[in-house]
C-alpha cells in the first residue's frame, strides 16, 4: 500500500531510531517543516548520492522545534521511524514548494544475534583504541546496526547498502566484514604516522649481537 509523503532529499543516509538535528533555511523546506509541526505529519529523507536521488530513505518525525530565527530559519530535532522506497516522485508537489511522492514502507528486523553483536562490539572497541579516541557508542540500544553505522567509517554508499538490508543480522555481518577489512589498514596507517613522528628524534637503540 502506497502512502503520499513529503520528501526532503539530503546528501546523507538517515536510519530508523536515529536522532538527527537539522538547520532549515531553504524556503521550500521551511514550508515543509512548518506543515509537519502544524499538522503533526511526518516527512521522508531519501538519500541523495553522487548527484542522484536514491529510491530508499527513512521516514522522520519532528521531535522539537529547537530554535526559530526572525528570518524564518529553524533548528529542529528529528527522529527516524521507518525505511521507505519511493514509487513515484513529484518535484515540486502540486501547490507546494517541496517534493513529495508515493512511498512504500518496510519494517526492518531489530533482533541481533548475541554472538554476532559481541564480535562487532569487540572490533569497534579495537577500532577506537587504535585511533586513540573515546568510544561514544551505546551498545544496548536496538537495532544495534543503526546505532553504530555513522561511527565506524562507512562511506555514504556503504551506509545506503546497510539501509537496504531488512535483516538485522545481515547488517551486523556487513559491519563485521567492513571492520575486518578496515582495521588492518588503519593499524598500518597509525604505525606509519608514528614512524614519521619519530623521524629526526634521538633514538636509544640497543646494540645488535651478530
N, C-alpha and C. Protein backbone atom coordinates (compact mmCIF):
# COMPACT_ATOMS: atom_id res chain seq x y z
N UNK A 1 0.85 -1.20 0.00
CA UNK A 1 0.00 0.00 0.00
C UNK A 1 0.89 1.25 0.00
N UNK A 2 0.63 2.17 -0.92
CA UNK A 2 1.43 3.38 -1.03
C UNK A 2 0.88 4.49 -0.15
N UNK A 3 1.78 5.30 0.36
CA UNK A 3 1.44 6.47 1.17
C UNK A 3 2.07 7.69 0.54
N UNK A 4 1.35 8.80 0.51
CA UNK A 4 1.89 10.04 -0.03
C UNK A 4 2.70 10.73 1.06
N UNK A 5 3.98 11.00 0.78
CA UNK A 5 4.89 11.51 1.80
C UNK A 5 5.67 12.72 1.26
N UNK A 6 5.74 13.77 2.05
CA UNK A 6 6.60 14.91 1.71
C UNK A 6 8.05 14.47 1.79
N UNK A 7 8.89 14.97 0.87
CA UNK A 7 10.27 14.49 0.78
C UNK A 7 11.28 15.62 0.91
N UNK A 8 12.35 15.32 1.62
CA UNK A 8 13.42 16.27 1.90
C UNK A 8 14.75 15.56 1.58
N UNK A 9 15.12 15.44 0.29
CA UNK A 9 16.36 14.74 -0.06
C UNK A 9 17.58 15.41 0.54
N UNK A 10 18.50 14.60 1.07
CA UNK A 10 19.74 15.11 1.64
C UNK A 10 20.90 14.21 1.26
N UNK A 11 22.08 14.79 1.28
CA UNK A 11 23.29 14.04 0.95
C UNK A 11 23.78 13.28 2.18
N UNK A 12 22.90 12.45 2.70
CA UNK A 12 23.21 11.61 3.86
C UNK A 12 22.23 10.45 3.90
N UNK A 13 22.55 9.47 4.72
CA UNK A 13 21.65 8.34 4.96
C UNK A 13 21.14 8.46 6.39
N UNK A 14 19.84 8.62 6.53
CA UNK A 14 19.22 8.63 7.86
C UNK A 14 18.71 7.22 8.16
N UNK A 15 18.82 6.81 9.41
CA UNK A 15 18.40 5.47 9.81
C UNK A 15 17.21 5.53 10.78
N UNK A 16 16.36 4.51 10.78
CA UNK A 16 15.32 4.42 11.80
C UNK A 16 15.95 4.46 13.19
N UNK A 17 15.29 5.13 14.11
CA UNK A 17 15.70 5.36 15.52
C UNK A 17 16.75 6.46 15.64
N UNK A 18 17.32 6.93 14.52
CA UNK A 18 18.36 7.96 14.60
C UNK A 18 17.79 9.30 15.04
N UNK A 19 18.52 9.99 15.90
CA UNK A 19 18.20 11.36 16.30
C UNK A 19 19.02 12.29 15.41
N UNK A 20 18.36 13.10 14.61
CA UNK A 20 19.04 13.94 13.63
C UNK A 20 18.63 15.40 13.81
N UNK A 21 19.62 16.26 14.04
CA UNK A 21 19.37 17.70 14.16
C UNK A 21 19.57 18.36 12.80
N UNK A 22 18.63 19.21 12.40
CA UNK A 22 18.69 19.84 11.09
C UNK A 22 18.50 21.35 11.21
N UNK A 23 19.28 22.08 10.42
CA UNK A 23 19.09 23.53 10.29
C UNK A 23 18.33 23.77 8.99
N UNK A 24 17.14 24.33 9.08
CA UNK A 24 16.26 24.51 7.93
C UNK A 24 16.32 25.96 7.48
N UNK A 25 16.79 26.17 6.24
CA UNK A 25 16.93 27.54 5.76
C UNK A 25 16.30 27.78 4.39
N UNK A 26 16.19 26.75 3.54
CA UNK A 26 15.58 26.96 2.22
C UNK A 26 14.07 27.17 2.36
N UNK A 27 13.48 28.10 1.61
CA UNK A 27 12.05 28.37 1.71
C UNK A 27 11.19 27.12 1.53
N UNK A 28 11.56 26.23 0.57
CA UNK A 28 10.71 25.05 0.33
C UNK A 28 10.68 24.13 1.55
N UNK A 29 11.81 24.01 2.25
CA UNK A 29 11.84 23.11 3.41
C UNK A 29 11.34 23.80 4.68
N UNK A 30 11.41 25.13 4.69
CA UNK A 30 10.75 25.84 5.79
C UNK A 30 9.24 25.62 5.70
N UNK A 31 8.71 25.64 4.47
CA UNK A 31 7.28 25.35 4.28
C UNK A 31 6.96 23.93 4.73
N UNK A 32 7.77 22.98 4.32
CA UNK A 32 7.54 21.57 4.66
C UNK A 32 7.52 21.38 6.18
N UNK A 33 8.54 21.91 6.86
CA UNK A 33 8.63 21.69 8.30
C UNK A 33 7.53 22.42 9.06
N UNK A 34 7.17 23.61 8.61
CA UNK A 34 6.04 24.31 9.24
C UNK A 34 4.78 23.47 9.18
N UNK A 35 4.54 22.84 8.03
CA UNK A 35 3.35 21.99 7.88
C UNK A 35 3.43 20.76 8.77
N UNK A 36 4.62 20.17 8.84
CA UNK A 36 4.79 18.98 9.69
C UNK A 36 4.50 19.31 11.15
N UNK A 37 4.98 20.46 11.62
CA UNK A 37 4.76 20.86 13.00
C UNK A 37 3.28 21.19 13.24
N UNK A 38 2.70 21.93 12.32
CA UNK A 38 1.30 22.36 12.48
C UNK A 38 0.32 21.20 12.39
N UNK A 39 0.61 20.24 11.49
CA UNK A 39 -0.35 19.16 11.22
C UNK A 39 0.07 17.83 11.85
N UNK A 40 1.22 17.79 12.48
CA UNK A 40 1.68 16.56 13.12
C UNK A 40 2.02 15.46 12.13
N UNK A 41 2.41 15.84 10.91
CA UNK A 41 2.70 14.82 9.90
C UNK A 41 4.21 14.59 9.81
N UNK A 42 4.57 13.48 9.20
CA UNK A 42 5.97 13.11 9.03
C UNK A 42 6.47 13.53 7.64
N UNK A 43 7.77 13.38 7.45
CA UNK A 43 8.36 13.62 6.13
C UNK A 43 9.45 12.58 5.90
N UNK A 44 9.91 12.49 4.66
CA UNK A 44 10.91 11.49 4.33
C UNK A 44 12.23 12.10 3.93
N UNK A 45 13.33 11.46 4.34
CA UNK A 45 14.66 11.85 3.88
C UNK A 45 15.19 10.73 2.98
N UNK A 46 15.02 10.87 1.65
CA UNK A 46 15.66 9.92 0.74
C UNK A 46 17.12 10.33 0.55
N UNK A 47 18.00 9.35 0.42
CA UNK A 47 19.42 9.65 0.23
C UNK A 47 19.67 10.23 -1.15
N UNK A 48 20.53 11.22 -1.21
CA UNK A 48 20.94 11.84 -2.48
C UNK A 48 22.44 11.61 -2.60
N UNK A 49 22.83 10.65 -3.45
CA UNK A 49 24.22 10.19 -3.52
C UNK A 49 24.75 10.36 -4.93
N UNK A 50 25.93 10.94 -5.05
CA UNK A 50 26.56 11.16 -6.36
C UNK A 50 25.63 11.89 -7.33
N UNK A 51 24.96 12.91 -6.80
CA UNK A 51 24.05 13.75 -7.59
C UNK A 51 22.84 12.99 -8.12
N UNK A 52 22.51 11.89 -7.47
CA UNK A 52 21.34 11.11 -7.87
C UNK A 52 20.44 10.84 -6.67
N UNK A 53 19.13 11.02 -6.88
CA UNK A 53 18.16 10.68 -5.85
C UNK A 53 18.03 9.16 -5.79
N UNK A 54 18.20 8.60 -4.60
CA UNK A 54 18.07 7.16 -4.41
C UNK A 54 16.62 6.80 -4.08
N UNK A 55 16.26 5.56 -4.31
CA UNK A 55 14.86 5.17 -4.10
C UNK A 55 14.54 4.90 -2.64
N UNK A 56 15.55 4.68 -1.79
CA UNK A 56 15.31 4.37 -0.39
C UNK A 56 15.58 5.56 0.51
N UNK A 57 14.85 5.64 1.60
CA UNK A 57 15.06 6.69 2.59
C UNK A 57 14.40 6.31 3.89
N UNK A 58 14.38 7.25 4.82
CA UNK A 58 13.79 7.00 6.14
C UNK A 58 12.75 8.06 6.46
N UNK A 59 11.61 7.60 6.93
CA UNK A 59 10.55 8.50 7.40
C UNK A 59 11.00 9.14 8.71
N UNK A 60 10.77 10.45 8.82
CA UNK A 60 11.20 11.20 10.00
C UNK A 60 10.02 11.93 10.63
N UNK A 61 10.10 12.11 11.93
CA UNK A 61 9.13 12.99 12.60
C UNK A 61 9.87 14.10 13.33
N UNK A 62 9.26 15.26 13.39
CA UNK A 62 9.84 16.39 14.11
C UNK A 62 9.57 16.19 15.59
N UNK A 63 10.64 16.11 16.36
CA UNK A 63 10.52 15.92 17.81
C UNK A 63 10.41 17.26 18.52
N UNK A 64 11.18 18.24 18.02
CA UNK A 64 11.21 19.53 18.71
C UNK A 64 11.65 20.64 17.74
N UNK A 65 11.00 21.78 17.84
CA UNK A 65 11.48 22.99 17.19
C UNK A 65 12.42 23.65 18.18
N UNK A 66 13.71 23.46 17.98
CA UNK A 66 14.70 23.92 18.96
C UNK A 66 14.89 25.42 18.93
N UNK A 67 14.82 26.02 17.71
CA UNK A 67 15.02 27.47 17.59
C UNK A 67 14.34 27.99 16.35
N UNK A 68 13.69 29.11 16.48
CA UNK A 68 13.06 29.81 15.35
C UNK A 68 13.77 31.16 15.17
N UNK A 69 14.31 31.40 13.99
CA UNK A 69 15.01 32.65 13.71
C UNK A 69 14.05 33.68 13.14
N UNK A 70 14.34 34.98 13.33
CA UNK A 70 13.45 36.03 12.82
C UNK A 70 13.22 35.96 11.32
N UNK A 71 14.21 35.46 10.56
CA UNK A 71 14.06 35.40 9.10
C UNK A 71 13.36 34.13 8.62
N UNK A 72 12.88 33.28 9.56
CA UNK A 72 12.13 32.09 9.18
C UNK A 72 12.93 30.80 9.24
N UNK A 73 14.25 30.90 9.39
CA UNK A 73 15.06 29.70 9.52
C UNK A 73 14.72 28.98 10.83
N UNK A 74 15.00 27.68 10.86
CA UNK A 74 14.66 26.89 12.04
C UNK A 74 15.76 25.88 12.34
N UNK A 75 15.94 25.58 13.61
CA UNK A 75 16.72 24.42 14.05
C UNK A 75 15.72 23.42 14.62
N UNK A 76 15.74 22.21 14.09
CA UNK A 76 14.78 21.20 14.55
C UNK A 76 15.49 19.92 14.95
N UNK A 77 14.85 19.18 15.84
CA UNK A 77 15.31 17.85 16.23
C UNK A 77 14.33 16.83 15.65
N UNK A 78 14.87 15.82 15.01
CA UNK A 78 14.02 14.81 14.37
C UNK A 78 14.42 13.41 14.81
N UNK A 79 13.54 12.47 14.52
CA UNK A 79 13.80 11.07 14.84
C UNK A 79 13.38 10.19 13.66
N UNK A 80 14.24 9.21 13.33
CA UNK A 80 13.93 8.30 12.24
C UNK A 80 12.92 7.23 12.65
N UNK A 81 12.01 6.89 11.74
CA UNK A 81 10.95 5.94 12.05
C UNK A 81 11.05 4.65 11.23
N UNK A 82 10.80 4.75 9.91
CA UNK A 82 10.74 3.55 9.06
C UNK A 82 11.46 3.77 7.75
N UNK A 83 11.93 2.68 7.17
CA UNK A 83 12.53 2.73 5.84
C UNK A 83 11.42 2.74 4.79
N UNK A 84 11.61 3.50 3.73
CA UNK A 84 10.64 3.52 2.64
C UNK A 84 11.35 3.44 1.30
N UNK A 85 10.58 3.05 0.29
CA UNK A 85 11.03 3.08 -1.10
C UNK A 85 10.10 4.01 -1.87
N UNK A 86 10.68 4.89 -2.69
CA UNK A 86 9.88 5.82 -3.49
C UNK A 86 9.32 5.09 -4.71
N UNK A 87 8.01 5.14 -4.86
CA UNK A 87 7.36 4.56 -6.04
C UNK A 87 7.11 5.62 -7.12
N UNK A 88 6.70 6.82 -6.70
CA UNK A 88 6.53 7.93 -7.63
C UNK A 88 7.13 9.17 -7.00
N UNK A 89 7.67 10.06 -7.84
CA UNK A 89 8.34 11.26 -7.33
C UNK A 89 7.80 12.48 -8.06
N UNK A 90 7.41 13.49 -7.30
CA UNK A 90 6.83 14.71 -7.84
C UNK A 90 7.61 15.91 -7.30
N UNK A 91 8.25 16.67 -8.17
CA UNK A 91 9.08 17.78 -7.72
C UNK A 91 8.84 19.03 -8.58
N UNK A 92 8.14 20.03 -8.03
CA UNK A 92 7.59 20.04 -6.67
C UNK A 92 6.23 19.35 -6.63
N UNK A 93 5.77 19.07 -5.42
CA UNK A 93 4.42 18.54 -5.25
C UNK A 93 3.41 19.61 -5.65
N UNK A 94 2.24 19.18 -6.06
CA UNK A 94 1.21 20.12 -6.52
C UNK A 94 0.88 21.15 -5.44
N UNK A 95 1.06 22.42 -5.80
CA UNK A 95 0.73 23.50 -4.87
C UNK A 95 1.74 23.72 -3.76
N UNK A 96 2.89 23.04 -3.83
CA UNK A 96 3.90 23.16 -2.79
C UNK A 96 5.24 23.60 -3.37
N UNK A 97 6.14 24.00 -2.50
CA UNK A 97 7.50 24.34 -2.93
C UNK A 97 8.42 23.13 -2.91
N UNK A 98 8.07 22.13 -2.11
CA UNK A 98 8.93 20.97 -1.88
C UNK A 98 8.45 19.76 -2.68
N UNK A 99 9.28 18.73 -2.71
CA UNK A 99 8.96 17.49 -3.41
C UNK A 99 8.13 16.55 -2.54
N UNK A 100 7.49 15.61 -3.18
CA UNK A 100 6.72 14.58 -2.46
C UNK A 100 6.59 13.38 -3.39
N UNK A 101 6.01 12.33 -2.87
CA UNK A 101 5.81 11.15 -3.71
C UNK A 101 5.08 10.06 -2.97
N UNK A 102 4.68 9.05 -3.72
CA UNK A 102 4.08 7.86 -3.12
C UNK A 102 5.20 6.91 -2.72
N UNK A 103 5.13 6.44 -1.47
CA UNK A 103 6.19 5.58 -0.96
C UNK A 103 5.59 4.30 -0.37
N UNK A 104 6.43 3.29 -0.30
CA UNK A 104 6.08 2.01 0.31
C UNK A 104 6.98 1.82 1.52
N UNK A 105 6.41 1.54 2.68
CA UNK A 105 7.18 1.37 3.91
C UNK A 105 7.60 -0.08 4.12
N UNK A 106 8.74 -0.23 4.80
CA UNK A 106 9.25 -1.56 5.15
C UNK A 106 9.51 -1.63 6.65
N UNK A 107 9.21 -2.76 7.23
CA UNK A 107 9.57 -2.99 8.62
C UNK A 107 10.90 -3.72 8.65
N UNK A 108 11.86 -3.20 9.39
CA UNK A 108 13.18 -3.83 9.47
C UNK A 108 13.30 -4.64 10.75
N UNK A 109 13.97 -5.78 10.64
CA UNK A 109 14.20 -6.65 11.79
C UNK A 109 15.14 -5.95 12.77
N UNK A 110 14.90 -6.10 14.07
CA UNK A 110 15.72 -5.41 15.07
C UNK A 110 16.48 -6.37 15.98
N UNK A 111 16.20 -7.67 15.92
CA UNK A 111 16.87 -8.61 16.83
C UNK A 111 18.27 -8.93 16.33
N UNK A 112 19.26 -8.78 17.24
CA UNK A 112 20.64 -9.06 16.90
C UNK A 112 21.10 -10.35 17.56
N UNK A 113 21.72 -11.23 16.78
CA UNK A 113 22.31 -12.44 17.34
C UNK A 113 23.40 -12.05 18.34
N UNK A 114 23.39 -12.68 19.51
CA UNK A 114 24.29 -12.32 20.61
C UNK A 114 25.76 -12.46 20.21
N UNK A 115 26.09 -13.55 19.55
CA UNK A 115 27.48 -13.81 19.17
C UNK A 115 27.95 -12.80 18.12
N UNK A 116 27.10 -12.55 17.13
CA UNK A 116 27.46 -11.57 16.10
C UNK A 116 27.65 -10.18 16.70
N UNK A 117 26.74 -9.80 17.58
CA UNK A 117 26.82 -8.48 18.19
C UNK A 117 28.10 -8.32 18.99
N UNK A 118 28.45 -9.32 19.78
CA UNK A 118 29.67 -9.25 20.59
C UNK A 118 30.92 -9.18 19.72
N UNK A 119 30.91 -9.89 18.60
CA UNK A 119 32.05 -9.84 17.68
C UNK A 119 32.20 -8.43 17.12
N UNK A 120 31.07 -7.82 16.73
CA UNK A 120 31.11 -6.46 16.19
C UNK A 120 31.58 -5.47 17.26
N UNK A 121 31.10 -5.64 18.48
CA UNK A 121 31.50 -4.73 19.57
C UNK A 121 33.00 -4.81 19.82
N UNK A 122 33.54 -6.02 19.82
CA UNK A 122 34.98 -6.20 20.02
C UNK A 122 35.77 -5.46 18.95
N UNK A 123 35.33 -5.57 17.71
CA UNK A 123 36.01 -4.91 16.60
C UNK A 123 35.89 -3.38 16.69
N UNK A 124 34.72 -2.90 17.07
CA UNK A 124 34.53 -1.45 17.20
C UNK A 124 35.41 -0.89 18.32
N UNK A 125 35.45 -1.60 19.45
CA UNK A 125 36.32 -1.17 20.55
C UNK A 125 37.78 -1.15 20.10
N UNK A 126 38.15 -2.15 19.31
CA UNK A 126 39.52 -2.22 18.79
C UNK A 126 39.81 -1.03 17.87
N UNK A 127 38.84 -0.69 17.03
CA UNK A 127 39.00 0.45 16.12
C UNK A 127 39.25 1.74 16.89
N UNK A 128 38.44 2.01 17.91
CA UNK A 128 38.59 3.24 18.68
C UNK A 128 39.89 3.26 19.46
N UNK A 129 40.32 2.09 19.94
CA UNK A 129 41.59 2.01 20.66
C UNK A 129 42.75 2.34 19.73
N UNK A 130 42.73 1.82 18.52
CA UNK A 130 43.79 2.10 17.54
C UNK A 130 43.85 3.59 17.24
N UNK A 131 42.70 4.21 17.10
CA UNK A 131 42.64 5.63 16.77
C UNK A 131 42.89 6.53 17.97
N UNK A 132 42.91 5.95 19.16
CA UNK A 132 43.12 6.74 20.36
C UNK A 132 41.97 7.65 20.69
N UNK A 133 40.76 7.21 20.36
CA UNK A 133 39.57 8.03 20.57
C UNK A 133 38.68 7.41 21.64
N UNK A 134 37.98 8.28 22.35
CA UNK A 134 37.00 7.81 23.31
C UNK A 134 35.78 7.28 22.55
N UNK A 135 35.33 6.10 22.93
CA UNK A 135 34.20 5.47 22.24
C UNK A 135 32.89 6.07 22.76
N UNK A 136 32.11 6.75 21.89
CA UNK A 136 30.88 7.40 22.34
C UNK A 136 29.63 6.51 22.20
N UNK A 137 29.80 5.28 21.75
CA UNK A 137 28.66 4.46 21.37
C UNK A 137 27.99 3.79 22.57
N UNK A 138 26.67 3.65 22.45
CA UNK A 138 25.88 2.91 23.44
C UNK A 138 25.39 1.63 22.78
N UNK A 139 25.87 0.51 23.27
CA UNK A 139 25.62 -0.75 22.59
C UNK A 139 24.29 -1.42 22.97
N UNK A 140 23.59 -0.87 23.94
CA UNK A 140 22.38 -1.56 24.42
C UNK A 140 21.12 -1.16 23.66
N UNK A 141 21.22 -0.15 22.79
CA UNK A 141 20.03 0.28 22.05
C UNK A 141 19.86 -0.55 20.79
N UNK A 142 18.61 -0.76 20.39
CA UNK A 142 18.31 -1.55 19.20
C UNK A 142 17.62 -0.68 18.15
N UNK A 143 17.78 -1.03 16.86
CA UNK A 143 18.67 -2.07 16.37
C UNK A 143 20.14 -1.64 16.44
N UNK A 144 20.97 -2.53 16.86
CA UNK A 144 22.39 -2.27 17.10
C UNK A 144 23.06 -1.67 15.87
N UNK A 145 22.79 -2.22 14.69
CA UNK A 145 23.48 -1.78 13.47
C UNK A 145 23.25 -0.31 13.19
N UNK A 146 22.02 0.17 13.41
CA UNK A 146 21.71 1.56 13.13
C UNK A 146 22.32 2.51 14.16
N UNK A 147 22.59 2.01 15.37
CA UNK A 147 23.19 2.86 16.40
C UNK A 147 24.66 3.14 16.12
N UNK A 148 25.34 2.21 15.45
CA UNK A 148 26.79 2.35 15.25
C UNK A 148 27.17 2.75 13.82
N UNK A 149 26.22 2.74 12.90
CA UNK A 149 26.54 2.85 11.47
C UNK A 149 27.33 4.11 11.11
N UNK A 150 26.99 5.25 11.75
CA UNK A 150 27.66 6.51 11.41
C UNK A 150 29.02 6.66 12.08
N UNK A 151 29.39 5.73 12.94
CA UNK A 151 30.58 5.92 13.79
C UNK A 151 31.70 4.93 13.51
N UNK A 152 31.65 4.22 12.39
CA UNK A 152 32.66 3.18 12.15
C UNK A 152 33.34 3.35 10.80
N UNK A 153 33.22 4.52 10.20
CA UNK A 153 33.95 4.81 8.98
C UNK A 153 33.34 4.27 7.70
N UNK A 154 32.05 4.00 7.71
CA UNK A 154 31.39 3.58 6.47
C UNK A 154 31.28 4.75 5.51
N UNK A 155 31.43 4.49 4.23
CA UNK A 155 31.18 5.52 3.23
C UNK A 155 29.67 5.73 3.10
N UNK A 156 29.28 6.80 2.43
CA UNK A 156 27.86 7.07 2.20
C UNK A 156 27.21 5.93 1.43
N UNK A 157 27.93 5.39 0.46
CA UNK A 157 27.41 4.27 -0.33
C UNK A 157 27.23 3.03 0.54
N UNK A 158 28.16 2.80 1.46
CA UNK A 158 28.04 1.64 2.34
C UNK A 158 26.89 1.82 3.32
N UNK A 159 26.70 3.03 3.81
CA UNK A 159 25.56 3.29 4.69
C UNK A 159 24.25 3.03 3.97
N UNK A 160 24.20 3.38 2.70
CA UNK A 160 22.99 3.13 1.91
C UNK A 160 22.76 1.63 1.74
N UNK A 161 23.85 0.88 1.50
CA UNK A 161 23.73 -0.58 1.42
C UNK A 161 23.15 -1.14 2.71
N UNK A 162 23.60 -0.61 3.84
CA UNK A 162 23.11 -1.06 5.14
C UNK A 162 21.63 -0.77 5.30
N UNK A 163 21.20 0.43 4.87
CA UNK A 163 19.79 0.80 4.96
C UNK A 163 18.91 -0.16 4.17
N UNK A 164 19.44 -0.66 3.05
CA UNK A 164 18.66 -1.54 2.17
C UNK A 164 18.48 -2.94 2.73
N UNK A 165 19.25 -3.30 3.76
CA UNK A 165 19.15 -4.64 4.34
C UNK A 165 18.07 -4.65 5.42
N UNK A 166 17.08 -5.50 5.25
CA UNK A 166 15.96 -5.54 6.20
C UNK A 166 16.22 -6.47 7.38
N UNK A 167 17.21 -7.34 7.27
CA UNK A 167 17.54 -8.29 8.33
C UNK A 167 18.68 -7.76 9.19
N UNK A 168 18.48 -7.68 10.50
CA UNK A 168 19.48 -7.10 11.39
C UNK A 168 20.79 -7.89 11.40
N UNK A 169 20.71 -9.21 11.38
CA UNK A 169 21.94 -9.99 11.42
C UNK A 169 22.76 -9.83 10.14
N UNK A 170 22.09 -9.64 9.01
CA UNK A 170 22.82 -9.35 7.77
C UNK A 170 23.54 -8.00 7.89
N UNK A 171 22.88 -7.05 8.52
CA UNK A 171 23.51 -5.74 8.70
C UNK A 171 24.73 -5.84 9.61
N UNK A 172 24.62 -6.62 10.69
CA UNK A 172 25.76 -6.78 11.61
C UNK A 172 26.90 -7.51 10.92
N UNK A 173 26.58 -8.52 10.12
CA UNK A 173 27.63 -9.22 9.36
C UNK A 173 28.33 -8.26 8.41
N UNK A 174 27.58 -7.37 7.80
CA UNK A 174 28.14 -6.36 6.89
C UNK A 174 29.13 -5.46 7.65
N UNK A 175 28.73 -5.05 8.85
CA UNK A 175 29.58 -4.20 9.70
C UNK A 175 30.85 -4.94 10.09
N UNK A 176 30.73 -6.21 10.45
CA UNK A 176 31.90 -7.02 10.83
C UNK A 176 32.88 -7.13 9.66
N UNK A 177 32.36 -7.41 8.49
CA UNK A 177 33.22 -7.53 7.30
C UNK A 177 33.94 -6.21 7.02
N UNK A 178 33.22 -5.11 7.15
CA UNK A 178 33.84 -3.80 6.95
C UNK A 178 34.98 -3.57 7.93
N UNK A 179 34.74 -3.87 9.20
CA UNK A 179 35.76 -3.64 10.23
C UNK A 179 36.95 -4.57 10.06
N UNK A 180 36.70 -5.81 9.68
CA UNK A 180 37.79 -6.76 9.47
C UNK A 180 38.69 -6.34 8.30
N UNK A 181 38.09 -5.68 7.31
CA UNK A 181 38.89 -5.15 6.20
C UNK A 181 39.62 -3.87 6.59
N UNK A 182 38.95 -3.03 7.35
CA UNK A 182 39.46 -1.68 7.62
C UNK A 182 40.52 -1.64 8.71
N UNK A 183 40.35 -2.42 9.77
CA UNK A 183 41.23 -2.31 10.93
C UNK A 183 42.70 -2.56 10.59
N UNK A 184 43.06 -3.61 9.81
CA UNK A 184 44.48 -3.79 9.46
C UNK A 184 45.06 -2.60 8.69
N UNK A 185 44.25 -1.99 7.83
CA UNK A 185 44.71 -0.82 7.06
C UNK A 185 44.95 0.36 8.00
N UNK A 186 44.00 0.58 8.91
CA UNK A 186 44.13 1.69 9.86
C UNK A 186 45.32 1.46 10.79
N UNK A 187 45.53 0.22 11.23
CA UNK A 187 46.69 -0.09 12.07
C UNK A 187 47.98 0.28 11.37
N UNK A 188 48.08 -0.05 10.08
CA UNK A 188 49.29 0.24 9.32
C UNK A 188 49.48 1.75 9.15
N UNK A 189 48.38 2.46 8.91
CA UNK A 189 48.45 3.92 8.78
C UNK A 189 48.93 4.54 10.10
N UNK A 190 48.37 4.09 11.20
CA UNK A 190 48.76 4.63 12.50
C UNK A 190 50.22 4.31 12.81
N UNK A 191 50.69 3.12 12.43
CA UNK A 191 52.08 2.74 12.64
C UNK A 191 53.00 3.64 11.81
N UNK A 192 52.59 3.90 10.56
CA UNK A 192 53.38 4.78 9.70
C UNK A 192 53.44 6.20 10.25
N UNK A 193 52.32 6.69 10.76
CA UNK A 193 52.29 8.02 11.36
C UNK A 193 53.25 8.11 12.55
N UNK A 194 53.30 7.04 13.34
CA UNK A 194 54.20 7.02 14.50
C UNK A 194 55.66 7.05 14.05
N UNK A 195 55.98 6.29 12.98
CA UNK A 195 57.34 6.29 12.46
C UNK A 195 57.73 7.67 11.94
N UNK A 196 56.78 8.34 11.28
CA UNK A 196 57.05 9.68 10.76
C UNK A 196 57.34 10.65 11.91
N UNK A 197 56.58 10.52 13.00
CA UNK A 197 56.78 11.39 14.16
C UNK A 197 58.17 11.17 14.77
N UNK A 198 58.64 9.91 14.76
CA UNK A 198 59.93 9.57 15.35
C UNK A 198 61.10 10.05 14.51
N UNK A 199 60.90 10.23 13.23
CA UNK A 199 61.99 10.58 12.32
C UNK A 199 62.61 11.92 12.72
N UNK A 200 63.95 11.93 12.90
CA UNK A 200 64.63 13.16 13.28
C UNK A 200 64.86 13.31 14.76
N UNK A 201 64.23 12.42 15.58
CA UNK A 201 64.42 12.47 17.01
C UNK A 201 65.57 11.55 17.41
N UNK A 202 66.20 11.84 18.55
CA UNK A 202 67.25 10.98 19.05
C UNK A 202 66.65 9.63 19.44
N UNK A 203 67.32 8.56 19.09
CA UNK A 203 66.81 7.23 19.35
C UNK A 203 67.79 6.48 20.26
N UNK A 204 67.28 5.83 21.25
CA UNK A 204 68.09 4.99 22.14
C UNK A 204 68.00 3.56 21.64
N UNK A 205 69.03 3.12 20.91
CA UNK A 205 68.98 1.82 20.27
C UNK A 205 69.88 0.84 20.99
N UNK A 206 69.39 -0.39 21.12
CA UNK A 206 70.18 -1.46 21.71
C UNK A 206 71.16 -1.99 20.67
N UNK A 207 72.42 -2.28 21.08
CA UNK A 207 73.37 -2.86 20.13
C UNK A 207 72.95 -4.25 19.69
N UNK A 208 73.25 -4.58 18.47
CA UNK A 208 72.90 -5.89 17.94
C UNK A 208 74.05 -6.86 18.19
N UNK A 209 73.71 -8.07 18.54
CA UNK A 209 74.69 -9.15 18.68
C UNK A 209 74.64 -10.04 17.45
N UNK A 210 75.72 -10.00 16.66
CA UNK A 210 75.75 -10.88 15.49
C UNK A 210 77.20 -11.22 15.16
